[in-house]
Amino acid sequence: MSVAKISEIKASSPKSFDEAIKEGVARANKTIENVRSAWVQDMEVLVDEQCNIAEYRVTMKITFVLKD
């Protein structure tokens, strides 16, 4: 029987939501073993003074399987 755990993380990118998701999963994989999935819970953008998008941010729940 496998047991999984969920960790919530935030990630950002100046390029896109897709890039923020990829960066978050890659970073989580550096310190968490057996990453199995990521659920994007929330997305937001930061805007600058000219109302241009300055940063894309995502909040994700990373699911990973614990070692026996």
PDB file of N, CA and C in Angstrom:
ATOM      1  N   MET A   1       0.841  -1.176   0.000  1.00  0.00           N
ATOM      2  CA  MET A   1       0.000   0.000   0.000  1.00  0.00           C
ATOM      3  C   MET A   1       0.888   1.242   0.000  1.00  0.00           C
ATOM      4  N   SER A   2       0.535   2.216  -0.798  1.00  0.00           N
ATOM      5  CA  SER A   2       1.275   3.478  -0.869  1.00  0.00           C
ATOM      6  C   SER A   2       0.562   4.554  -0.062  1.00  0.00           C
ATOM      7  N   VAL A   3       1.362   5.442   0.493  1.00  0.00           N
ATOM      8  CA  VAL A   3       0.830   6.584   1.214  1.00  0.00           C
ATOM      9  C   VAL A   3       1.378   7.839   0.532  1.00  0.00           C
ATOM     10  N   ALA A   4       0.491   8.765   0.234  1.00  0.00           N
ATOM     11  CA  ALA A   4       0.892  10.006  -0.438  1.00  0.00           C
ATOM     12  C   ALA A   4       0.722  11.187   0.512  1.00  0.00           C
ATOM     13  N   LYS A   5       1.479  12.228   0.229  1.00  0.00           N
ATOM     14  CA  LYS A   5       1.397  13.456   1.006  1.00  0.00           C
ATOM     15  C   LYS A   5       1.281  14.619   0.031  1.00  0.00           C
ATOM     16  N   ILE A   6       0.703  15.724   0.498  1.00  0.00           N
ATOM     17  CA  ILE A   6       0.524  16.906  -0.346  1.00  0.00           C
ATOM     18  C   ILE A   6       1.239  18.087   0.297  1.00  0.00           C
ATOM     19  N   SER A   7       1.967  18.814  -0.523  1.00  0.00           N
ATOM     20  CA  SER A   7       2.655  20.022  -0.080  1.00  0.00           C
ATOM     21  C   SER A   7       2.209  21.182  -0.957  1.00  0.00           C
ATOM     22  N   GLU A   8       1.899  22.317  -0.349  1.00  0.00           N
ATOM     23  CA  GLU A   8       1.460  23.483  -1.112  1.00  0.00           C
ATOM     24  C   GLU A   8       2.655  24.397  -1.369  1.00  0.00           C
ATOM     25  N   ILE A   9       2.810  24.826  -2.625  1.00  0.00           N
ATOM     26  CA  ILE A   9       3.899  25.722  -2.983  1.00  0.00           C
ATOM     27  C   ILE A   9       3.379  26.854  -3.857  1.00  0.00           C
ATOM     28  N   LYS A  10       4.148  27.936  -3.924  1.00  0.00           N
ATOM     29  CA  LYS A  10       3.883  29.042  -4.840  1.00  0.00           C
ATOM     30  C   LYS A  10       5.080  29.148  -5.762  1.00  0.00           C
ATOM     31  N   ALA A  11       4.821  29.447  -7.033  1.00  0.00           N
ATOM     32  CA  ALA A  11       5.892  29.629  -8.008  1.00  0.00           C
ATOM     33  C   ALA A  11       5.545  30.810  -8.901  1.00  0.00           C
ATOM     34  N   SER A  12       6.582  31.425  -9.482  1.00  0.00           N
ATOM     35  CA  SER A  12       6.331  32.590 -10.336  1.00  0.00           C
ATOM     36  C   SER A  12       7.252  32.584 -11.544  1.00  0.00           C
ATOM     37  N   SER A  13       6.842  33.355 -12.547  1.00  0.00           N
ATOM     38  CA  SER A  13       7.626  33.516 -13.767  1.00  0.00           C
ATOM     39  C   SER A  13       7.272  34.853 -14.398  1.00  0.00           C
ATOM     40  N   PRO A  14       8.247  35.502 -15.012  1.00  0.00           N
ATOM     41  CA  PRO A  14       7.935  36.742 -15.728  1.00  0.00           C
ATOM     42  C   PRO A  14       7.350  36.475 -17.121  1.00  0.00           C
ATOM     43  N   LYS A  15       7.335  35.199 -17.557  1.00  0.00           N
ATOM     44  CA  LYS A  15       6.928  34.856 -18.927  1.00  0.00           C
ATOM     45  C   LYS A  15       5.472  34.420 -19.067  1.00  0.00           C
ATOM     46  N   SER A  16       5.047  33.417 -18.249  1.00  0.00           N
ATOM     47  CA  SER A  16       3.704  32.854 -18.429  1.00  0.00           C
ATOM     48  C   SER A  16       3.312  31.984 -17.238  1.00  0.00           C
ATOM     49  N   PHE A  17       2.017  31.649 -17.170  1.00  0.00           N
ATOM     50  CA  PHE A  17       1.552  30.697 -16.163  1.00  0.00           C
ATOM     51  C   PHE A  17       2.180  29.334 -16.391  1.00  0.00           C
ATOM     52  N   ASP A  18       2.258  28.921 -17.653  1.00  0.00           N
ATOM     53  CA  ASP A  18       2.850  27.631 -17.992  1.00  0.00           C
ATOM     54  C   ASP A  18       4.283  27.537 -17.477  1.00  0.00           C
ATOM     55  N   GLU A  19       5.043  28.592 -17.661  1.00  0.00           N
ATOM     56  CA  GLU A  19       6.432  28.627 -17.195  1.00  0.00           C
ATOM     57  C   GLU A  19       6.495  28.594 -15.666  1.00  0.00           C
ATOM     58  N   ALA A  20       5.580  29.273 -15.001  1.00  0.00           N
ATOM     59  CA  ALA A  20       5.537  29.255 -13.537  1.00  0.00           C
ATOM     60  C   ALA A  20       5.243  27.846 -13.019  1.00  0.00           C
ATOM     61  N   ILE A  21       4.333  27.151 -13.682  1.00  0.00           N
ATOM     62  CA  ILE A  21       4.015  25.772 -13.291  1.00  0.00           C
ATOM     63  C   ILE A  21       5.232  24.885 -13.472  1.00  0.00           C
ATOM     64  N   LYS A  22       5.884  24.981 -14.622  1.00  0.00           N
ATOM     65  CA  LYS A  22       7.077  24.162 -14.889  1.00  0.00           C
ATOM     66  C   LYS A  22       8.178  24.444 -13.872  1.00  0.00           C
ATOM     67  N   GLU A  23       8.398  25.724 -13.551  1.00  0.00           N
ATOM     68  CA  GLU A  23       9.418  26.096 -12.572  1.00  0.00           C
ATOM     69  C   GLU A  23       9.080  25.536 -11.185  1.00  0.00           C
ATOM     70  N   GLY A  24       7.812  25.622 -10.801  1.00  0.00           N
ATOM     71  CA  GLY A  24       7.396  25.111  -9.497  1.00  0.00           C
ATOM     72  C   GLY A  24       7.570  23.610  -9.369  1.00  0.00           C
ATOM     73  N   VAL A  25       7.172  22.875 -10.397  1.00  0.00           N
ATOM     74  CA  VAL A  25       7.312  21.409 -10.365  1.00  0.00           C
ATOM     75  C   VAL A  25       8.791  21.028 -10.363  1.00  0.00           C
ATOM     76  N   ALA A  26       9.595  21.696 -11.183  1.00  0.00           N
ATOM     77  CA  ALA A  26      11.029  21.393 -11.242  1.00  0.00           C
ATOM     78  C   ALA A  26      11.700  21.674  -9.894  1.00  0.00           C
ATOM     79  N   ARG A  27      11.334  22.795  -9.276  1.00  0.00           N
ATOM     80  CA  ARG A  27      11.929  23.139  -7.984  1.00  0.00           C
ATOM     81  C   ARG A  27      11.497  22.170  -6.890  1.00  0.00           C
ATOM     82  N   ALA A  28      10.229  21.802  -6.881  1.00  0.00           N
ATOM     83  CA  ALA A  28       9.745  20.841  -5.886  1.00  0.00           C
ATOM     84  C   ALA A  28      10.461  19.507  -6.045  1.00  0.00           C
ATOM     85  N   ASN A  29      10.710  19.111  -7.285  1.00  0.00           N
ATOM     86  CA  ASN A  29      11.360  17.831  -7.553  1.00  0.00           C
ATOM     87  C   ASN A  29      12.806  17.799  -7.050  1.00  0.00           C
ATOM     88  N   LYS A  30      13.416  18.952  -6.826  1.00  0.00           N
ATOM     89  CA  LYS A  30      14.788  18.986  -6.301  1.00  0.00           C
ATOM     90  C   LYS A  30      14.856  18.552  -4.841  1.00  0.00           C
ATOM     91  N   THR A  31      13.803  18.833  -4.067  1.00  0.00           N
ATOM     92  CA  THR A  31      13.834  18.520  -2.637  1.00  0.00           C
ATOM     93  C   THR A  31      12.809  17.484  -2.198  1.00  0.00           C
ATOM     94  N   ILE A  32      11.850  17.192  -3.055  1.00  0.00           N
ATOM     95  CA  ILE A  32      10.818  16.199  -2.728  1.00  0.00           C
ATOM     96  C   ILE A  32      10.971  15.018  -3.670  1.00  0.00           C
ATOM     97  N   GLU A  33      11.080  13.824  -3.109  1.00  0.00           N
ATOM     98  CA  GLU A  33      11.193  12.623  -3.932  1.00  0.00           C
ATOM     99  C   GLU A  33       9.811  12.069  -4.269  1.00  0.00           C
ATOM    100  N   ASN A  34       9.719  11.362  -5.378  1.00  0.00           N
ATOM    101  CA  ASN A  34       8.506  10.664  -5.806  1.00  0.00           C
ATOM    102  C   ASN A  34       7.327  11.597  -6.094  1.00  0.00           C
ATOM    103  N   VAL A  35       7.608  12.766  -6.699  1.00  0.00           N
ATOM    104  CA  VAL A  35       6.525  13.679  -7.085  1.00  0.00           C
ATOM    105  C   VAL A  35       5.659  12.983  -8.129  1.00  0.00           C
ATOM    106  N   ARG A  36       4.341  12.998  -7.930  1.00  0.00           N
ATOM    107  CA  ARG A  36       3.422  12.297  -8.821  1.00  0.00           C
ATOM    108  C   ARG A  36       2.458  13.224  -9.557  1.00  0.00           C
ATOM    109  N   SER A  37       2.091  14.352  -8.945  1.00  0.00           N
ATOM    110  CA  SER A  37       1.150  15.239  -9.619  1.00  0.00           C
ATOM    111  C   SER A  37       1.221  16.633  -9.012  1.00  0.00           C
ATOM    112  N   ALA A  38       0.633  17.575  -9.753  1.00  0.00           N
ATOM    113  CA  ALA A  38       0.538  18.953  -9.276  1.00  0.00           C
ATOM    114  C   ALA A  38      -0.835  19.475  -9.666  1.00  0.00           C
ATOM    115  N   TRP A  39      -1.526  20.041  -8.705  1.00  0.00           N
ATOM    116  CA  TRP A  39      -2.835  20.628  -8.946  1.00  0.00           C
ATOM    117  C   TRP A  39      -2.702  22.137  -8.790  1.00  0.00           C
ATOM    118  N   VAL A  40      -2.992  22.861  -9.855  1.00  0.00           N
ATOM    119  CA  VAL A  40      -2.920  24.321  -9.810  1.00  0.00           C
ATOM    120  C   VAL A  40      -4.191  24.819  -9.128  1.00  0.00           C
ATOM    121  N   GLN A  41      -4.014  25.334  -7.932  1.00  0.00           N
ATOM    122  CA  GLN A  41      -5.143  25.765  -7.114  1.00  0.00           C
ATOM    123  C   GLN A  41      -5.549  27.204  -7.425  1.00  0.00           C
ATOM    124  N   ASP A  42      -4.551  28.059  -7.711  1.00  0.00           N
ATOM    125  CA  ASP A  42      -4.848  29.473  -7.896  1.00  0.00           C
ATOM    126  C   ASP A  42      -3.823  30.087  -8.837  1.00  0.00           C
ATOM    127  N   MET A  43      -4.252  31.098  -9.604  1.00  0.00           N
ATOM    128  CA  MET A  43      -3.357  31.824 -10.489  1.00  0.00           C
ATOM    129  C   MET A  43      -3.586  33.313 -10.272  1.00  0.00           C
ATOM    130  N   GLU A  44      -2.506  34.088 -10.335  1.00  0.00           N
ATOM    131  CA  GLU A  44      -2.629  35.538 -10.202  1.00  0.00           C
ATOM    132  C   GLU A  44      -1.517  36.203 -11.008  1.00  0.00           C
ATOM    133  N   VAL A  45      -1.714  37.463 -11.315  1.00  0.00           N
ATOM    134  CA  VAL A  45      -0.683  38.237 -12.001  1.00  0.00           C
ATOM    135  C   VAL A  45      -0.386  39.500 -11.206  1.00  0.00           C
ATOM    136  N   LEU A  46       0.856  39.936 -11.270  1.00  0.00           N
ATOM    137  CA  LEU A  46       1.243  41.224 -10.723  1.00  0.00           C
ATOM    138  C   LEU A  46       1.368  42.189 -11.890  1.00  0.00           C
ATOM    139  N   VAL A  47       0.891  43.402 -11.714  1.00  0.00           N
ATOM    140  CA  VAL A  47       0.970  44.388 -12.783  1.00  0.00           C
ATOM    141  C   VAL A  47       1.860  45.549 -12.353  1.00  0.00           C
ATOM    142  N   ASP A  48       2.521  46.171 -13.324  1.00  0.00           N
ATOM    143  CA  ASP A  48       3.375  47.320 -13.031  1.00  0.00           C
ATOM    144  C   ASP A  48       2.575  48.618 -13.129  1.00  0.00           C
ATOM    145  N   GLU A  49       3.263  49.735 -13.045  1.00  0.00           N
ATOM    146  CA  GLU A  49       2.604  51.048 -13.051  1.00  0.00           C
ATOM    147  C   GLU A  49       1.865  51.337 -14.355  1.00  0.00           C
ATOM    148  N   GLN A  50       2.316  50.742 -15.459  1.00  0.00           N
ATOM    149  CA  GLN A  50       1.670  50.957 -16.761  1.00  0.00           C
ATOM    150  C   GLN A  50       0.583  49.910 -17.052  1.00  0.00           C
ATOM    151  N   CYS A  51       0.248  49.124 -16.047  1.00  0.00           N
ATOM    152  CA  CYS A  51      -0.759  48.061 -16.150  1.00  0.00           C
ATOM    153  C   CYS A  51      -0.324  46.922 -17.075  1.00  0.00           C
ATOM    154  N   ASN A  52       0.966  46.714 -17.212  1.00  0.00           N
ATOM    155  CA  ASN A  52       1.494  45.559 -17.936  1.00  0.00           C
ATOM    156  C   ASN A  52       1.726  44.429 -16.942  1.00  0.00           C
ATOM    157  N   ILE A  53       1.570  43.212 -17.404  1.00  0.00           N
ATOM    158  CA  ILE A  53       1.808  42.070 -16.526  1.00  0.00           C
ATOM    159  C   ILE A  53       3.304  41.965 -16.249  1.00  0.00           C
ATOM    160  N   ALA A  54       3.653  42.020 -14.975  1.00  0.00           N
ATOM    161  CA  ALA A  54       5.051  41.951 -14.566  1.00  0.00           C
ATOM    162  C   ALA A  54       5.454  40.552 -14.138  1.00  0.00           C
ATOM    163  N   GLU A  55       4.491  39.785 -13.600  1.00  0.00           N
ATOM    164  CA  GLU A  55       4.815  38.457 -13.093  1.00  0.00           C
ATOM    165  C   GLU A  55       3.560  37.592 -13.045  1.00  0.00           C
ATOM    166  N   TYR A  56       3.733  36.326 -13.400  1.00  0.00           N
ATOM    167  CA  TYR A  56       2.671  35.321 -13.320  1.00  0.00           C
ATOM    168  C   TYR A  56       2.959  34.452 -12.105  1.00  0.00           C
ATOM    169  N   ARG A  57       1.944  34.223 -11.270  1.00  0.00           N
ATOM    170  CA  ARG A  57       2.119  33.403 -10.067  1.00  0.00           C
ATOM    171  C   ARG A  57       1.071  32.303 -10.008  1.00  0.00           C
ATOM    172  N   VAL A  58       1.495  31.145  -9.524  1.00  0.00           N
ATOM    173  CA  VAL A  58       0.575  30.022  -9.323  1.00  0.00           C
ATOM    174  C   VAL A  58       0.761  29.463  -7.919  1.00  0.00           C
ATOM    175  N   THR A  59      -0.321  29.020  -7.345  1.00  0.00           N
ATOM    176  CA  THR A  59      -0.294  28.260  -6.098  1.00  0.00           C
ATOM    177  C   THR A  59      -0.663  26.836  -6.470  1.00  0.00           C
ATOM    178  N   MET A  60       0.193  25.890  -6.098  1.00  0.00           N
ATOM    179  CA  MET A  60      -0.015  24.491  -6.486  1.00  0.00           C
ATOM    180  C   MET A  60       0.046  23.572  -5.280  1.00  0.00           C
ATOM    181  N   LYS A  61      -0.643  22.459  -5.405  1.00  0.00           N
ATOM    182  CA  LYS A  61      -0.536  21.385  -4.427  1.00  0.00           C
ATOM    183  C   LYS A  61       0.223  20.255  -5.119  1.00  0.00           C
ATOM    184  N   ILE A  62       1.385  19.926  -4.573  1.00  0.00           N
ATOM    185  CA  ILE A  62       2.247  18.878  -5.121  1.00  0.00           C
ATOM    186  C   ILE A  62       1.988  17.591  -4.350  1.00  0.00           C
ATOM    187  N   THR A  63       1.665  16.525  -5.058  1.00  0.00           N
ATOM    188  CA  THR A  63       1.430  15.226  -4.436  1.00  0.00           C
ATOM    189  C   THR A  63       2.654  14.334  -4.658  1.00  0.00           C
ATOM    190  N   PHE A  64       3.107  13.709  -3.582  1.00  0.00           N
ATOM    191  CA  PHE A  64       4.235  12.800  -3.697  1.00  0.00           C
ATOM    192  C   PHE A  64       4.002  11.567  -2.808  1.00  0.00           C
ATOM    193  N   VAL A  65       4.601  10.460  -3.219  1.00  0.00           N
ATOM    194  CA  VAL A  65       4.443   9.192  -2.507  1.00  0.00           C
ATOM    195  C   VAL A  65       5.572   9.045  -1.512  1.00  0.00           C
ATOM    196  N   LEU A  66       5.224   8.710  -0.271  1.00  0.00           N
ATOM    197  CA  LEU A  66       6.220   8.516   0.759  1.00  0.00           C
ATOM    198  C   LEU A  66       6.928   7.174   0.587  1.00  0.00           C
ATOM    199  N   LYS A  67       8.197   7.143   0.934  1.00  0.00           N
ATOM    200  CA  LYS A  67       8.973   5.891   0.855  1.00  0.00           C
ATOM    201  C   LYS A  67       8.525   4.940   1.954  1.00  0.00           C
ATOM    202  N   ASP A  68       8.602   3.668   1.662  1.00  0.00           N
ATOM    203  CA  ASP A  68       8.271   2.640   2.683  1.00  0.00           C
ATOM    204  C   ASP A  68       9.384   2.496   3.690  1.00  0.00           C
TER     205      ASP A  68
END
